[in-house]
Amino acid sequence: MAFALLKANWHAGYLWTAILQGFILFVCIISLPLWKVNEKANVDSETSESVGIMSSLKVPGVIFTLFTFFSYYAGEATYFL
């Protein structure tokens, strides 16, 4: 959209955005058969036990990811206020 606004007017920006989103939708629809193949493979792996919150926090990188996620959204909320 920003490139379209630099090179044309806002009508063209919305048109280019709509065409890009239409292409992404087309790719998603074409890939539907691949989702079913992957779904059959996941049925075997879903038989494992579920993990609790405390044990999932012990996985390396989870606490950093949660902190980063919280910081990003706190910053975004502060920015928009």
PDB file of N, CA and C in Angstrom:
ATOM      1  N   MET A   1       0.818  -1.178   0.000  1.00  0.00           N
ATOM      2  CA  MET A   1       0.000   0.000   0.000  1.00  0.00           C
ATOM      3  C   MET A   1       0.867   1.247   0.000  1.00  0.00           C
ATOM      4  N   ALA A   2       1.929   1.246   0.793  1.00  0.00           N
ATOM      5  CA  ALA A   2       2.798   2.415   0.848  1.00  0.00           C
ATOM      6  C   ALA A   2       3.480   2.658  -0.500  1.00  0.00           C
ATOM      7  N   PHE A   3       3.895   1.572  -1.162  1.00  0.00           N
ATOM      8  CA  PHE A   3       4.521   1.722  -2.481  1.00  0.00           C
ATOM      9  C   PHE A   3       3.523   2.284  -3.481  1.00  0.00           C
ATOM     10  N   ALA A   4       2.275   1.801  -3.405  1.00  0.00           N
ATOM     11  CA  ALA A   4       1.250   2.302  -4.316  1.00  0.00           C
ATOM     12  C   ALA A   4       0.964   3.772  -4.060  1.00  0.00           C
ATOM     13  N   LEU A   5       1.004   4.190  -2.804  1.00  0.00           N
ATOM     14  CA  LEU A   5       0.767   5.596  -2.498  1.00  0.00           C
ATOM     15  C   LEU A   5       1.911   6.477  -2.994  1.00  0.00           C
ATOM     16  N   LEU A   6       3.133   5.906  -3.042  1.00  0.00           N
ATOM     17  CA  LEU A   6       4.252   6.681  -3.576  1.00  0.00           C
ATOM     18  C   LEU A   6       4.167   6.826  -5.088  1.00  0.00           C
ATOM     19  N   LYS A   7       3.728   5.775  -5.765  1.00  0.00           N
ATOM     20  CA  LYS A   7       3.750   5.761  -7.225  1.00  0.00           C
ATOM     21  C   LYS A   7       2.413   6.118  -7.867  1.00  0.00           C
ATOM     22  N   ALA A   8       1.314   6.028  -7.127  1.00  0.00           N
ATOM     23  CA  ALA A   8      -0.008   6.295  -7.700  1.00  0.00           C
ATOM     24  C   ALA A   8      -0.866   6.970  -6.629  1.00  0.00           C
ATOM     25  N   ASN A   9      -2.175   6.824  -6.771  1.00  0.00           N
ATOM     26  CA  ASN A   9      -3.072   7.419  -5.778  1.00  0.00           C
ATOM     27  C   ASN A   9      -3.634   6.340  -4.855  1.00  0.00           C
ATOM     28  N   TRP A  10      -4.496   6.729  -3.912  1.00  0.00           N
ATOM     29  CA  TRP A  10      -4.982   5.775  -2.917  1.00  0.00           C
ATOM     30  C   TRP A  10      -5.900   4.730  -3.524  1.00  0.00           C
ATOM     31  N   HIS A  11      -6.553   5.028  -4.652  1.00  0.00           N
ATOM     32  CA  HIS A  11      -7.389   4.027  -5.323  1.00  0.00           C
ATOM     33  C   HIS A  11      -6.536   2.839  -5.785  1.00  0.00           C
ATOM     34  N   ALA A  12      -5.397   3.150  -6.353  1.00  0.00           N
ATOM     35  CA  ALA A  12      -4.492   2.092  -6.810  1.00  0.00           C
ATOM     36  C   ALA A  12      -3.926   1.310  -5.631  1.00  0.00           C
ATOM     37  N   GLY A  13      -3.687   1.974  -4.518  1.00  0.00           N
ATOM     38  CA  GLY A  13      -3.181   1.283  -3.332  1.00  0.00           C
ATOM     39  C   GLY A  13      -4.160   0.233  -2.838  1.00  0.00           C
ATOM     40  N   TYR A  14      -5.424   0.593  -2.768  1.00  0.00           N
ATOM     41  CA  TYR A  14      -6.435  -0.380  -2.344  1.00  0.00           C
ATOM     42  C   TYR A  14      -6.599  -1.488  -3.383  1.00  0.00           C
ATOM     43  N   LEU A  15      -6.475  -1.158  -4.643  1.00  0.00           N
ATOM     44  CA  LEU A  15      -6.579  -2.179  -5.691  1.00  0.00           C
ATOM     45  C   LEU A  15      -5.431  -3.167  -5.593  1.00  0.00           C
ATOM     46  N   TRP A  16      -4.211  -2.674  -5.420  1.00  0.00           N
ATOM     47  CA  TRP A  16      -3.046  -3.558  -5.299  1.00  0.00           C
ATOM     48  C   TRP A  16      -3.146  -4.437  -4.062  1.00  0.00           C
ATOM     49  N   THR A  17      -3.632  -3.862  -2.959  1.00  0.00           N
ATOM     50  CA  THR A  17      -3.806  -4.634  -1.735  1.00  0.00           C
ATOM     51  C   THR A  17      -4.844  -5.732  -1.933  1.00  0.00           C
ATOM     52  N   ALA A  18      -5.944  -5.406  -2.602  1.00  0.00           N
ATOM     53  CA  ALA A  18      -6.987  -6.404  -2.864  1.00  0.00           C
ATOM     54  C   ALA A  18      -6.470  -7.518  -3.766  1.00  0.00           C
ATOM     55  N   ILE A  19      -5.681  -7.180  -4.759  1.00  0.00           N
ATOM     56  CA  ILE A  19      -5.124  -8.202  -5.651  1.00  0.00           C
ATOM     57  C   ILE A  19      -4.162  -9.108  -4.885  1.00  0.00           C
ATOM     58  N   LEU A  20      -3.323  -8.537  -4.038  1.00  0.00           N
ATOM     59  CA  LEU A  20      -2.394  -9.333  -3.235  1.00  0.00           C
ATOM     60  C   LEU A  20      -3.141 -10.259  -2.280  1.00  0.00           C
ATOM     61  N   GLN A  21      -4.182  -9.772  -1.624  1.00  0.00           N
ATOM     62  CA  GLN A  21      -4.962 -10.607  -0.720  1.00  0.00           C
ATOM     63  C   GLN A  21      -5.717 -11.687  -1.492  1.00  0.00           C
ATOM     64  N   GLY A  22      -6.182 -11.371  -2.683  1.00  0.00           N
ATOM     65  CA  GLY A  22      -6.827 -12.375  -3.521  1.00  0.00           C
ATOM     66  C   GLY A  22      -5.865 -13.480  -3.919  1.00  0.00           C
ATOM     67  N   PHE A  23      -4.625 -13.118  -4.213  1.00  0.00           N
ATOM     68  CA  PHE A  23      -3.609 -14.113  -4.544  1.00  0.00           C
ATOM     69  C   PHE A  23      -3.311 -15.019  -3.355  1.00  0.00           C
ATOM     70  N   ILE A  24      -3.212 -14.423  -2.164  1.00  0.00           N
ATOM     71  CA  ILE A  24      -2.972 -15.221  -0.962  1.00  0.00           C
ATOM     72  C   ILE A  24      -4.138 -16.170  -0.721  1.00  0.00           C
ATOM     73  N   LEU A  25      -5.367 -15.715  -0.919  1.00  0.00           N
ATOM     74  CA  LEU A  25      -6.536 -16.580  -0.781  1.00  0.00           C
ATOM     75  C   LEU A  25      -6.494 -17.717  -1.793  1.00  0.00           C
ATOM     76  N   PHE A  26      -6.093 -17.413  -3.014  1.00  0.00           N
ATOM     77  CA  PHE A  26      -5.998 -18.434  -4.051  1.00  0.00           C
ATOM     78  C   PHE A  26      -4.979 -19.513  -3.668  1.00  0.00           C
ATOM     79  N   VAL A  27      -3.839 -19.099  -3.144  1.00  0.00           N
ATOM     80  CA  VAL A  27      -2.816 -20.059  -2.717  1.00  0.00           C
ATOM     81  C   VAL A  27      -3.332 -20.918  -1.572  1.00  0.00           C
ATOM     82  N   CYS A  28      -4.056 -20.315  -0.630  1.00  0.00           N
ATOM     83  CA  CYS A  28      -4.613 -21.089   0.482  1.00  0.00           C
ATOM     84  C   CYS A  28      -5.633 -22.113   0.010  1.00  0.00           C
ATOM     85  N   ILE A  29      -6.471 -21.741  -0.933  1.00  0.00           N
ATOM     86  CA  ILE A  29      -7.477 -22.672  -1.443  1.00  0.00           C
ATOM     87  C   ILE A  29      -6.823 -23.805  -2.219  1.00  0.00           C
ATOM     88  N   ILE A  30      -5.809 -23.490  -2.999  1.00  0.00           N
ATOM     89  CA  ILE A  30      -5.104 -24.515  -3.772  1.00  0.00           C
ATOM     90  C   ILE A  30      -4.395 -25.496  -2.835  1.00  0.00           C
ATOM     91  N   SER A  31      -3.945 -25.020  -1.674  1.00  0.00           N
ATOM     92  CA  SER A  31      -3.196 -25.883  -0.765  1.00  0.00           C
ATOM     93  C   SER A  31      -4.088 -26.680   0.186  1.00  0.00           C
ATOM     94  N   LEU A  32      -5.396 -26.618   0.063  1.00  0.00           N
ATOM     95  CA  LEU A  32      -6.293 -27.369   0.946  1.00  0.00           C
ATOM     96  C   LEU A  32      -6.017 -28.874   0.965  1.00  0.00           C
ATOM     97  N   PRO A  33      -5.744 -29.522  -0.167  1.00  0.00           N
ATOM     98  CA  PRO A  33      -5.434 -30.953  -0.101  1.00  0.00           C
ATOM     99  C   PRO A  33      -4.203 -31.273   0.744  1.00  0.00           C
ATOM    100  N   LEU A  34      -3.240 -30.363   0.783  1.00  0.00           N
ATOM    101  CA  LEU A  34      -2.056 -30.588   1.612  1.00  0.00           C
ATOM    102  C   LEU A  34      -2.401 -30.559   3.095  1.00  0.00           C
ATOM    103  N   TRP A  35      -3.407 -29.794   3.485  1.00  0.00           N
ATOM    104  CA  TRP A  35      -3.813 -29.724   4.884  1.00  0.00           C
ATOM    105  C   TRP A  35      -4.364 -31.059   5.345  1.00  0.00           C
ATOM    106  N   LYS A  36      -5.102 -31.737   4.473  1.00  0.00           N
ATOM    107  CA  LYS A  36      -5.676 -33.029   4.850  1.00  0.00           C
ATOM    108  C   LYS A  36      -4.586 -34.088   5.000  1.00  0.00           C
ATOM    109  N   VAL A  37      -3.550 -34.036   4.182  1.00  0.00           N
ATOM    110  CA  VAL A  37      -2.438 -34.974   4.302  1.00  0.00           C
ATOM    111  C   VAL A  37      -1.734 -34.753   5.636  1.00  0.00           C
ATOM    112  N   ASN A  38      -1.521 -33.503   5.992  1.00  0.00           N
ATOM    113  CA  ASN A  38      -0.861 -33.179   7.247  1.00  0.00           C
ATOM    114  C   ASN A  38      -1.751 -33.548   8.439  1.00  0.00           C
ATOM    115  N   GLU A  39      -3.044 -33.437   8.295  1.00  0.00           N
ATOM    116  CA  GLU A  39      -3.967 -33.780   9.381  1.00  0.00           C
ATOM    117  C   GLU A  39      -3.903 -35.265   9.706  1.00  0.00           C
ATOM    118  N   LYS A  40      -3.755 -36.095   8.699  1.00  0.00           N
ATOM    119  CA  LYS A  40      -3.645 -37.537   8.925  1.00  0.00           C
ATOM    120  C   LYS A  40      -2.350 -37.871   9.661  1.00  0.00           C
ATOM    121  N   ALA A  41      -1.301 -37.151   9.389  1.00  0.00           N
ATOM    122  CA  ALA A  41      -0.021 -37.388  10.054  1.00  0.00           C
ATOM    123  C   ALA A  41      -0.069 -36.938  11.516  1.00  0.00           C
ATOM    124  N   ASN A  42      -0.857 -35.921  11.820  1.00  0.00           N
ATOM    125  CA  ASN A  42      -0.934 -35.409  13.179  1.00  0.00           C
ATOM    126  C   ASN A  42      -1.785 -36.278  14.095  1.00  0.00           C
ATOM    127  N   VAL A  43      -2.614 -37.135  13.555  1.00  0.00           N
ATOM    128  CA  VAL A  43      -3.468 -37.985  14.386  1.00  0.00           C
ATOM    129  C   VAL A  43      -2.611 -38.897  15.248  1.00  0.00           C
ATOM    130  N   ASP A  44      -1.521 -39.405  14.719  1.00  0.00           N
ATOM    131  CA  ASP A  44      -0.644 -40.286  15.478  1.00  0.00           C
ATOM    132  C   ASP A  44       0.111 -39.527  16.577  1.00  0.00           C
ATOM    133  N   SER A  45       0.464 -38.289  16.326  1.00  0.00           N
ATOM    134  CA  SER A  45       1.253 -37.541  17.293  1.00  0.00           C
ATOM    135  C   SER A  45       0.392 -36.941  18.405  1.00  0.00           C
ATOM    136  N   GLU A  46      -0.935 -36.939  18.258  1.00  0.00           N
ATOM    137  CA  GLU A  46      -1.799 -36.347  19.271  1.00  0.00           C
ATOM    138  C   GLU A  46      -2.063 -37.288  20.437  1.00  0.00           C
ATOM    139  N   THR A  47      -1.524 -38.459  20.415  1.00  0.00           N
ATOM    140  CA  THR A  47      -1.763 -39.401  21.503  1.00  0.00           C
ATOM    141  C   THR A  47      -0.876 -39.145  22.711  1.00  0.00           C
ATOM    142  N   SER A  48       0.015 -38.166  22.644  1.00  0.00           N
ATOM    143  CA  SER A  48       0.899 -37.878  23.765  1.00  0.00           C
ATOM    144  C   SER A  48       0.129 -37.139  24.859  1.00  0.00           C
ATOM    145  N   GLU A  49       0.703 -37.113  26.054  1.00  0.00           N
ATOM    146  CA  GLU A  49       0.067 -36.470  27.191  1.00  0.00           C
ATOM    147  C   GLU A  49       0.123 -34.949  27.056  1.00  0.00           C
ATOM    148  N   SER A  50      -0.850 -34.282  27.677  1.00  0.00           N
ATOM    149  CA  SER A  50      -0.806 -32.831  27.686  1.00  0.00           C
ATOM    150  C   SER A  50       0.163 -32.366  28.775  1.00  0.00           C
ATOM    151  N   VAL A  51       0.690 -31.183  28.583  1.00  0.00           N
ATOM    152  CA  VAL A  51       1.703 -30.654  29.490  1.00  0.00           C
ATOM    153  C   VAL A  51       1.086 -29.497  30.261  1.00  0.00           C
ATOM    154  N   GLY A  52       1.378 -29.387  31.544  1.00  0.00           N
ATOM    155  CA  GLY A  52       0.865 -28.303  32.369  1.00  0.00           C
ATOM    156  C   GLY A  52       1.609 -27.003  32.149  1.00  0.00           C
ATOM    157  N   ILE A  53       1.132 -25.973  32.807  1.00  0.00           N
ATOM    158  CA  ILE A  53       1.734 -24.648  32.645  1.00  0.00           C
ATOM    159  C   ILE A  53       3.144 -24.606  33.227  1.00  0.00           C
ATOM    160  N   MET A  54       3.316 -25.142  34.400  1.00  0.00           N
ATOM    161  CA  MET A  54       4.636 -25.086  35.040  1.00  0.00           C
ATOM    162  C   MET A  54       5.682 -25.866  34.248  1.00  0.00           C
ATOM    163  N   SER A  55       5.309 -27.010  33.730  1.00  0.00           N
ATOM    164  CA  SER A  55       6.286 -27.780  32.951  1.00  0.00           C
ATOM    165  C   SER A  55       6.547 -27.144  31.591  1.00  0.00           C
ATOM    166  N   SER A  56       5.556 -26.426  31.037  1.00  0.00           N
ATOM    167  CA  SER A  56       5.813 -25.749  29.765  1.00  0.00           C
ATOM    168  C   SER A  56       6.693 -24.524  29.955  1.00  0.00           C
ATOM    169  N   LEU A  57       6.659 -23.907  31.139  1.00  0.00           N
ATOM    170  CA  LEU A  57       7.543 -22.774  31.403  1.00  0.00           C
ATOM    171  C   LEU A  57       8.993 -23.196  31.558  1.00  0.00           C
ATOM    172  N   LYS A  58       9.228 -24.475  31.792  1.00  0.00           N
ATOM    173  CA  LYS A  58      10.594 -24.981  31.936  1.00  0.00           C
ATOM    174  C   LYS A  58      11.279 -25.235  30.585  1.00  0.00           C
ATOM    175  N   VAL A  59      10.510 -25.166  29.503  1.00  0.00           N
ATOM    176  CA  VAL A  59      11.088 -25.343  28.165  1.00  0.00           C
ATOM    177  C   VAL A  59      11.954 -24.121  27.864  1.00  0.00           C
ATOM    178  N   PRO A  60      13.176 -24.333  27.370  1.00  0.00           N
ATOM    179  CA  PRO A  60      14.063 -23.196  27.100  1.00  0.00           C
ATOM    180  C   PRO A  60      13.454 -22.224  26.078  1.00  0.00           C
ATOM    181  N   GLY A  61      13.472 -20.956  26.394  1.00  0.00           N
ATOM    182  CA  GLY A  61      13.006 -19.927  25.478  1.00  0.00           C
ATOM    183  C   GLY A  61      11.567 -19.496  25.683  1.00  0.00           C
ATOM    184  N   VAL A  62      10.791 -20.219  26.473  1.00  0.00           N
ATOM    185  CA  VAL A  62       9.379 -19.888  26.653  1.00  0.00           C
ATOM    186  C   VAL A  62       9.225 -18.602  27.454  1.00  0.00           C
ATOM    187  N   ILE A  63       9.969 -18.452  28.531  1.00  0.00           N
ATOM    188  CA  ILE A  63       9.847 -17.252  29.362  1.00  0.00           C
ATOM    189  C   ILE A  63      10.285 -16.015  28.573  1.00  0.00           C
ATOM    190  N   PHE A  64      11.350 -16.122  27.803  1.00  0.00           N
ATOM    191  CA  PHE A  64      11.795 -14.998  26.970  1.00  0.00           C
ATOM    192  C   PHE A  64      10.735 -14.638  25.927  1.00  0.00           C
ATOM    193  N   THR A  65      10.121 -15.649  25.325  1.00  0.00           N
ATOM    194  CA  THR A  65       9.087 -15.401  24.322  1.00  0.00           C
ATOM    195  C   THR A  65       7.881 -14.724  24.951  1.00  0.00           C
ATOM    196  N   LEU A  66       7.449 -15.176  26.115  1.00  0.00           N
ATOM    197  CA  LEU A  66       6.326 -14.550  26.796  1.00  0.00           C
ATOM    198  C   LEU A  66       6.646 -13.114  27.202  1.00  0.00           C
ATOM    199  N   PHE A  67       7.854 -12.876  27.676  1.00  0.00           N
ATOM    200  CA  PHE A  67       8.266 -11.524  28.032  1.00  0.00           C
ATOM    201  C   PHE A  67       8.278 -10.611  26.801  1.00  0.00           C
ATOM    202  N   THR A  68       8.795 -11.118  25.693  1.00  0.00           N
ATOM    203  CA  THR A  68       8.837 -10.335  24.458  1.00  0.00           C
ATOM    204  C   THR A  68       7.428 -10.031  23.969  1.00  0.00           C
ATOM    205  N   PHE A  69       6.548 -11.013  24.024  1.00  0.00           N
ATOM    206  CA  PHE A  69       5.155 -10.836  23.610  1.00  0.00           C
ATOM    207  C   PHE A  69       4.478  -9.771  24.470  1.00  0.00           C
ATOM    208  N   PHE A  70       4.647  -9.866  25.801  1.00  0.00           N
ATOM    209  CA  PHE A  70       4.055  -8.883  26.699  1.00  0.00           C
ATOM    210  C   PHE A  70       4.628  -7.491  26.445  1.00  0.00           C
ATOM    211  N   SER A  71       5.927  -7.397  26.259  1.00  0.00           N
ATOM    212  CA  SER A  71       6.568  -6.099  26.044  1.00  0.00           C
ATOM    213  C   SER A  71       6.096  -5.449  24.755  1.00  0.00           C
ATOM    214  N   TYR A  72       5.959  -6.241  23.721  1.00  0.00           N
ATOM    215  CA  TYR A  72       5.509  -5.690  22.437  1.00  0.00           C
ATOM    216  C   TYR A  72       4.111  -5.107  22.569  1.00  0.00           C
ATOM    217  N   TYR A  73       3.198  -5.857  23.158  1.00  0.00           N
ATOM    218  CA  TYR A  73       1.827  -5.376  23.260  1.00  0.00           C
ATOM    219  C   TYR A  73       1.685  -4.260  24.288  1.00  0.00           C
ATOM    220  N   ALA A  74       2.489  -4.257  25.331  1.00  0.00           N
ATOM    221  CA  ALA A  74       2.478  -3.131  26.263  1.00  0.00           C
ATOM    222  C   ALA A  74       2.966  -1.863  25.570  1.00  0.00           C
ATOM    223  N   GLY A  75       4.022  -1.992  24.775  1.00  0.00           N
ATOM    224  CA  GLY A  75       4.509  -0.843  24.015  1.00  0.00           C
ATOM    225  C   GLY A  75       3.517  -0.357  22.986  1.00  0.00           C
ATOM    226  N   GLU A  76       2.854  -1.286  22.327  1.00  0.00           N
ATOM    227  CA  GLU A  76       1.860  -0.902  21.327  1.00  0.00           C
ATOM    228  C   GLU A  76       0.672  -0.203  21.986  1.00  0.00           C
ATOM    229  N   ALA A  77       0.220  -0.712  23.114  1.00  0.00           N
ATOM    230  CA  ALA A  77      -0.889  -0.078  23.826  1.00  0.00           C
ATOM    231  C   ALA A  77      -0.501   1.322  24.313  1.00  0.00           C
ATOM    232  N   THR A  78       0.734   1.464  24.791  1.00  0.00           N
ATOM    233  CA  THR A  78       1.204   2.771  25.251  1.00  0.00           C
ATOM    234  C   THR A  78       1.308   3.749  24.084  1.00  0.00           C
ATOM    235  N   TYR A  79       1.781   3.265  22.966  1.00  0.00           N
ATOM    236  CA  TYR A  79       1.931   4.113  21.801  1.00  0.00           C
ATOM    237  C   TYR A  79       0.587   4.630  21.308  1.00  0.00           C
ATOM    238  N   PHE A  80      -0.424   3.778  21.305  1.00  0.00           N
ATOM    239  CA  PHE A  80      -1.730   4.187  20.786  1.00  0.00           C
ATOM    240  C   PHE A  80      -2.535   5.003  21.799  1.00  0.00           C
ATOM    241  N   LEU A  81      -2.131   4.992  23.066  1.00  0.00           N
ATOM    242  CA  LEU A  81      -2.815   5.852  24.032  1.00  0.00           C
ATOM    243  C   LEU A  81      -2.392   7.278  23.827  1.00  0.00           C
TER     244      LEU A  81
END
